[in-house]
Amino acid sequence: MKKRFTEEQIIGVLKEAEAGAKAAELCRKHGISEATYYTGRRSTAA
């Protein structure tokens, strides 16, 4: 199955979160699930 969001897209969302936006709001804005957000956050933190 093809990934729907690229790593770059998820990193962009994570950068917005670092700037102070709330995770739930960002997920709605970008159309991603919170699970995708937190998985991306965990994988980029390593």
PDB file of N, CA and C in Angstrom:
ATOM      1  N   MET A   1       0.837  -1.169   0.000  1.00  0.00           N
ATOM      2  CA  MET A   1       0.000   0.000   0.000  1.00  0.00           C
ATOM      3  C   MET A   1       0.892   1.245   0.000  1.00  0.00           C
ATOM      4  N   LYS A   2       0.526   2.218  -0.811  1.00  0.00           N
ATOM      5  CA  LYS A   2       1.300   3.445  -0.920  1.00  0.00           C
ATOM      6  C   LYS A   2       1.054   4.341   0.290  1.00  0.00           C
ATOM      7  N   LYS A   3       2.128   4.966   0.758  1.00  0.00           N
ATOM      8  CA  LYS A   3       1.985   5.922   1.851  1.00  0.00           C
ATOM      9  C   LYS A   3       1.217   7.136   1.336  1.00  0.00           C
ATOM     10  N   ARG A   4       0.356   7.646   2.160  1.00  0.00           N
ATOM     11  CA  ARG A   4      -0.437   8.797   1.752  1.00  0.00           C
ATOM     12  C   ARG A   4       0.316  10.108   1.969  1.00  0.00           C
ATOM     13  N   PHE A   5       1.124  10.161   3.007  1.00  0.00           N
ATOM     14  CA  PHE A   5       1.860  11.379   3.324  1.00  0.00           C
ATOM     15  C   PHE A   5       3.352  11.093   3.279  1.00  0.00           C
ATOM     16  N   THR A   6       4.100  12.004   2.660  1.00  0.00           N
ATOM     17  CA  THR A   6       5.544  11.831   2.609  1.00  0.00           C
ATOM     18  C   THR A   6       6.143  12.253   3.945  1.00  0.00           C
ATOM     19  N   GLU A   7       7.358  11.829   4.163  1.00  0.00           N
ATOM     20  CA  GLU A   7       8.059  12.208   5.391  1.00  0.00           C
ATOM     21  C   GLU A   7       8.208  13.726   5.468  1.00  0.00           C
ATOM     22  N   GLU A   8       8.437  14.366   4.324  1.00  0.00           N
ATOM     23  CA  GLU A   8       8.588  15.818   4.295  1.00  0.00           C
ATOM     24  C   GLU A   8       7.305  16.519   4.724  1.00  0.00           C
ATOM     25  N   GLN A   9       6.149  15.983   4.305  1.00  0.00           N
ATOM     26  CA  GLN A   9       4.876  16.577   4.698  1.00  0.00           C
ATOM     27  C   GLN A   9       4.684  16.475   6.211  1.00  0.00           C
ATOM     28  N   ILE A  10       4.997  15.325   6.756  1.00  0.00           N
ATOM     29  CA  ILE A  10       4.833  15.125   8.194  1.00  0.00           C
ATOM     30  C   ILE A  10       5.801  16.020   8.961  1.00  0.00           C
ATOM     31  N   ILE A  11       7.027  16.154   8.473  1.00  0.00           N
ATOM     32  CA  ILE A  11       8.005  17.034   9.124  1.00  0.00           C
ATOM     33  C   ILE A  11       7.509  18.479   9.105  1.00  0.00           C
ATOM     34  N   GLY A  12       6.882  18.887   8.017  1.00  0.00           N
ATOM     35  CA  GLY A  12       6.315  20.234   7.949  1.00  0.00           C
ATOM     36  C   GLY A  12       5.270  20.467   9.022  1.00  0.00           C
ATOM     37  N   VAL A  13       4.418  19.476   9.241  1.00  0.00           N
ATOM     38  CA  VAL A  13       3.399  19.572  10.287  1.00  0.00           C
ATOM     39  C   VAL A  13       4.070  19.626  11.658  1.00  0.00           C
ATOM     40  N   LEU A  14       5.098  18.813  11.856  1.00  0.00           N
ATOM     41  CA  LEU A  14       5.801  18.800  13.143  1.00  0.00           C
ATOM     42  C   LEU A  14       6.471  20.144  13.427  1.00  0.00           C
ATOM     43  N   LYS A  15       6.980  20.793  12.389  1.00  0.00           N
ATOM     44  CA  LYS A  15       7.598  22.113  12.574  1.00  0.00           C
ATOM     45  C   LYS A  15       6.556  23.146  12.992  1.00  0.00           C
ATOM     46  N   GLU A  16       5.347  23.029  12.426  1.00  0.00           N
ATOM     47  CA  GLU A  16       4.272  23.928  12.849  1.00  0.00           C
ATOM     48  C   GLU A  16       3.947  23.704  14.322  1.00  0.00           C
ATOM     49  N   ALA A  17       3.979  22.445  14.748  1.00  0.00           N
ATOM     50  CA  ALA A  17       3.694  22.123  16.147  1.00  0.00           C
ATOM     51  C   ALA A  17       4.763  22.717  17.058  1.00  0.00           C
ATOM     52  N   GLU A  18       6.007  22.692  16.619  1.00  0.00           N
ATOM     53  CA  GLU A  18       7.088  23.282  17.412  1.00  0.00           C
ATOM     54  C   GLU A  18       6.888  24.784  17.575  1.00  0.00           C
ATOM     55  N   ALA A  19       6.235  25.397  16.585  1.00  0.00           N
ATOM     56  CA  ALA A  19       5.981  26.839  16.639  1.00  0.00           C
ATOM     57  C   ALA A  19       4.830  27.177  17.581  1.00  0.00           C
ATOM     58  N   GLY A  20       4.169  26.151  18.128  1.00  0.00           N
ATOM     59  CA  GLY A  20       3.151  26.403  19.140  1.00  0.00           C
ATOM     60  C   GLY A  20       1.742  25.978  18.789  1.00  0.00           C
ATOM     61  N   ALA A  21       1.514  25.447  17.603  1.00  0.00           N
ATOM     62  CA  ALA A  21       0.168  25.006  17.227  1.00  0.00           C
ATOM     63  C   ALA A  21      -0.168  23.700  17.935  1.00  0.00           C
ATOM     64  N   LYS A  22      -1.449  23.474  18.181  1.00  0.00           N
ATOM     65  CA  LYS A  22      -1.885  22.252  18.853  1.00  0.00           C
ATOM     66  C   LYS A  22      -1.976  21.108  17.853  1.00  0.00           C
ATOM     67  N   ALA A  23      -1.625  19.917  18.308  1.00  0.00           N
ATOM     68  CA  ALA A  23      -1.582  18.737  17.445  1.00  0.00           C
ATOM     69  C   ALA A  23      -2.932  18.459  16.801  1.00  0.00           C
ATOM     70  N   ALA A  24      -4.000  18.489  17.574  1.00  0.00           N
ATOM     71  CA  ALA A  24      -5.324  18.170  17.035  1.00  0.00           C
ATOM     72  C   ALA A  24      -5.728  19.153  15.937  1.00  0.00           C
ATOM     73  N   GLU A  25      -5.431  20.431  16.132  1.00  0.00           N
ATOM     74  CA  GLU A  25      -5.761  21.442  15.126  1.00  0.00           C
ATOM     75  C   GLU A  25      -4.958  21.224  13.848  1.00  0.00           C
ATOM     76  N   LEU A  26      -3.672  20.909  13.998  1.00  0.00           N
ATOM     77  CA  LEU A  26      -2.826  20.663  12.830  1.00  0.00           C
ATOM     78  C   LEU A  26      -3.301  19.449  12.044  1.00  0.00           C
ATOM     79  N   CYS A  27      -3.681  18.413  12.756  1.00  0.00           N
ATOM     80  CA  CYS A  27      -4.141  17.193  12.093  1.00  0.00           C
ATOM     81  C   CYS A  27      -5.389  17.471  11.271  1.00  0.00           C
ATOM     82  N   ARG A  28      -6.318  18.221  11.840  1.00  0.00           N
ATOM     83  CA  ARG A  28      -7.532  18.578  11.089  1.00  0.00           C
ATOM     84  C   ARG A  28      -7.180  19.435   9.881  1.00  0.00           C
ATOM     85  N   LYS A  29      -6.314  20.410  10.075  1.00  0.00           N
ATOM     86  CA  LYS A  29      -5.933  21.339   9.004  1.00  0.00           C
ATOM     87  C   LYS A  29      -5.298  20.604   7.824  1.00  0.00           C
ATOM     88  N   HIS A  30      -4.436  19.632   8.116  1.00  0.00           N
ATOM     89  CA  HIS A  30      -3.690  18.936   7.072  1.00  0.00           C
ATOM     90  C   HIS A  30      -4.320  17.617   6.642  1.00  0.00           C
ATOM     91  N   GLY A  31      -5.381  17.207   7.326  1.00  0.00           N
ATOM     92  CA  GLY A  31      -6.080  15.983   6.947  1.00  0.00           C
ATOM     93  C   GLY A  31      -5.340  14.708   7.310  1.00  0.00           C
ATOM     94  N   ILE A  32      -4.576  14.746   8.392  1.00  0.00           N
ATOM     95  CA  ILE A  32      -3.889  13.534   8.843  1.00  0.00           C
ATOM     96  C   ILE A  32      -4.481  13.097  10.177  1.00  0.00           C
ATOM     97  N   SER A  33      -4.311  11.840  10.498  1.00  0.00           N
ATOM     98  CA  SER A  33      -4.803  11.347  11.785  1.00  0.00           C
ATOM     99  C   SER A  33      -3.795  11.712  12.871  1.00  0.00           C
ATOM    100  N   GLU A  34      -4.291  11.765  14.095  1.00  0.00           N
ATOM    101  CA  GLU A  34      -3.379  12.035  15.204  1.00  0.00           C
ATOM    102  C   GLU A  34      -2.380  10.899  15.358  1.00  0.00           C
ATOM    103  N   ALA A  35      -2.781   9.681  15.012  1.00  0.00           N
ATOM    104  CA  ALA A  35      -1.854   8.545  15.079  1.00  0.00           C
ATOM    105  C   ALA A  35      -0.688   8.755  14.117  1.00  0.00           C
ATOM    106  N   THR A  36      -0.971   9.252  12.908  1.00  0.00           N
ATOM    107  CA  THR A  36       0.086   9.538  11.938  1.00  0.00           C
ATOM    108  C   THR A  36       1.006  10.628  12.475  1.00  0.00           C
ATOM    109  N   TYR A  37       0.420  11.647  13.075  1.00  0.00           N
ATOM    110  CA  TYR A  37       1.206  12.743  13.652  1.00  0.00           C
ATOM    111  C   TYR A  37       2.164  12.223  14.717  1.00  0.00           C
ATOM    112  N   TYR A  38       1.624  11.448  15.668  1.00  0.00           N
ATOM    113  CA  TYR A  38       2.463  10.977  16.768  1.00  0.00           C
ATOM    114  C   TYR A  38       3.480   9.934  16.308  1.00  0.00           C
ATOM    115  N   THR A  39       3.133   9.132  15.315  1.00  0.00           N
ATOM    116  CA  THR A  39       4.098   8.182  14.755  1.00  0.00           C
ATOM    117  C   THR A  39       5.241   8.948  14.089  1.00  0.00           C
ATOM    118  N   GLY A  40       4.907   9.987  13.342  1.00  0.00           N
ATOM    119  CA  GLY A  40       5.929  10.816  12.709  1.00  0.00           C
ATOM    120  C   GLY A  40       6.798  11.513  13.725  1.00  0.00           C
ATOM    121  N   ARG A  41       6.182  11.990  14.785  1.00  0.00           N
ATOM    122  CA  ARG A  41       6.944  12.663  15.840  1.00  0.00           C
ATOM    123  C   ARG A  41       7.925  11.703  16.496  1.00  0.00           C
ATOM    124  N   ARG A  42       7.461  10.486  16.739  1.00  0.00           N
ATOM    125  CA  ARG A  42       8.329   9.486  17.380  1.00  0.00           C
ATOM    126  C   ARG A  42       9.475   9.093  16.446  1.00  0.00           C
ATOM    127  N   SER A  43       9.191   8.922  15.157  1.00  0.00           N
ATOM    128  CA  SER A  43      10.232   8.455  14.234  1.00  0.00           C
ATOM    129  C   SER A  43      11.256   9.544  13.921  1.00  0.00           C
ATOM    130  N   THR A  44      10.864  10.810  13.960  1.00  0.00           N
ATOM    131  CA  THR A  44      11.831  11.874  13.683  1.00  0.00           C
ATOM    132  C   THR A  44      12.619  12.262  14.922  1.00  0.00           C
ATOM    133  N   ALA A  45      12.139  11.893  16.093  1.00  0.00           N
ATOM    134  CA  ALA A  45      12.849  12.219  17.333  1.00  0.00           C
ATOM    135  C   ALA A  45      14.046  11.300  17.556  1.00  0.00           C
ATOM    136  N   ALA A  46      14.052  10.156  16.916  1.00  0.00           N
ATOM    137  CA  ALA A  46      15.120   9.166  17.136  1.00  0.00           C
ATOM    138  C   ALA A  46      16.421   9.569  16.497  1.00  0.00           C
TER     139      ALA A  46
END
